[in-house]
Amino acid sequence: MEKLTVALLSGGISSEREVSINSGNQVFKALDKSKYDIRRYDPKTDLKKIVEDADEIDFALLILHGPFGEDGTIQGMLDLLNIPYQGSGVIGSSVAMNKVTSKQLYIQHGLPTPSFVILRKGENYDGENIVEKLNLPIVVKPVQAGSSVGMSIVKDGNDLSKAIDKAFDVDNNILLEEYIKGTEFTCGVLGNDEIEALPVIEIIPGEDCDFFDYEAKYVPGKTEEICPARISDETTKEIMRLAIEAHKCLVCKGYSRTDFLMKDNNLYILETNTIPGMTATSLLPQSANVAGYSFSELLDKLIQLGIEEYKKNNIYKN
C-alpha cells in the first residue's frame, strides 16, 4: 500500500506553543512510519512552505492549541488548499474555541453549564454586581484560550479586578463564571456521523492546586487521573450522553473532549476541546487506550475519520 504523505503541524504562535511542540514530538514518534511519510511544519515559520507543498500533501495532522491553531483559522487555510485534516472544520473549531458562544449553544440545546458574565476590554464593570450575581468564589478566564492560561479563581471580592486584568492580558473578551465546587470529569468522543463516547476520566488535582490549572495539567504527579471514573453506570452514561450532545451542538467532527463538574449529583459542562492534548499520557489518549486504542491506533483512527469527512464534503470534487 502506498504511503500517505502526512503534514504534521505543531508549534504555532499561541501561548500553548510549547505544549503543542511537545505533543507534536510524541505524535511523530507514535505515527506508523510504514503507513505515513511524515513532514513536519511549524505554522509560526512554515505557512508559506505548506502552501508550496500543498499538492504533495495527502493529509494534515493538526497538533495545535489555542488561537491560530484550534480556532478555525488554519482549518480554513487547509480547506482553501484542498488538504484534508482531522477533527472539526472552520465552524466547529471557531465555535468551540469561543467559550461564550459555546455556553450559549449549550443553553440553547438544554445542556447544563454554570452561570456566567461576559466582560469586554475597555468597558466599565461593577464588581459588586458581579459578585452579587455569581457569588464567591468566581472563575475568571479568557474567552479564547486553553490549558487554563490566564485563568483565576477569585475567593475575595477585593481580588476580582486583579484577576480580570490577568485574563485581559490574554484576551480582549473574558468570562466570569459561577464556581462549582465538585468533582471534575472529562469525556472524549470519536466519530463523524456515528459517534462513540470513550470511557470517562475522573480528575483529581493535587492538594496544592485550586483547580485543574496549567501546572496541574502538565507537571507530572500534580494530578491523579482515574479511568474509568469511580462513578455509577447511570452517571457514566449521562456524562457520555452529554459529551456526545455537546460535540453535536458545537458542530464538531472527528473527535472532541468535553470537561464536566459534578456537584450534588448535578452535572455541569465547562467546555469542549476540538484538539485535545495529544501526548501519549494526555486525557483523550488515556481514555482511548482504556477503550482499546493504542496511541498509534488512535492517530490512525483520526486520520481515517478526517479522510472520510473530506471525501463526503470536499467542494473541489466533480
Foldseek 3Di string as FASTA:
>chain_A
DDAAEEEEEAQEDAPCRVLRVVLSVQLVVLADPVRYDYDYDYVVPCPVVCLVCLVRHAAYEQSYFFPPGQQQNVLVVCLVSLHFYFKFHNQLSNQQQFQVSLVVLCVVVVHFAFDKDKDFPPDDDDLVVRCVVQPPFKWKAARGHDQQQLIDTRHDSVCVVVSNVSRCVRHRMMMITRDDPFWKKKWKWFAAPDIHIFAIKTKAAAPVDPDCHNCSQPPPPRIDIDPNDPDDPVLRVVNSVSNVVSCVSSRMGGMKMWMWGADPNDIHTRGIGRNFRRRCPGDVNVRVVVVPAHSNRSVVSRRVRRVVVCVVDRPPDD
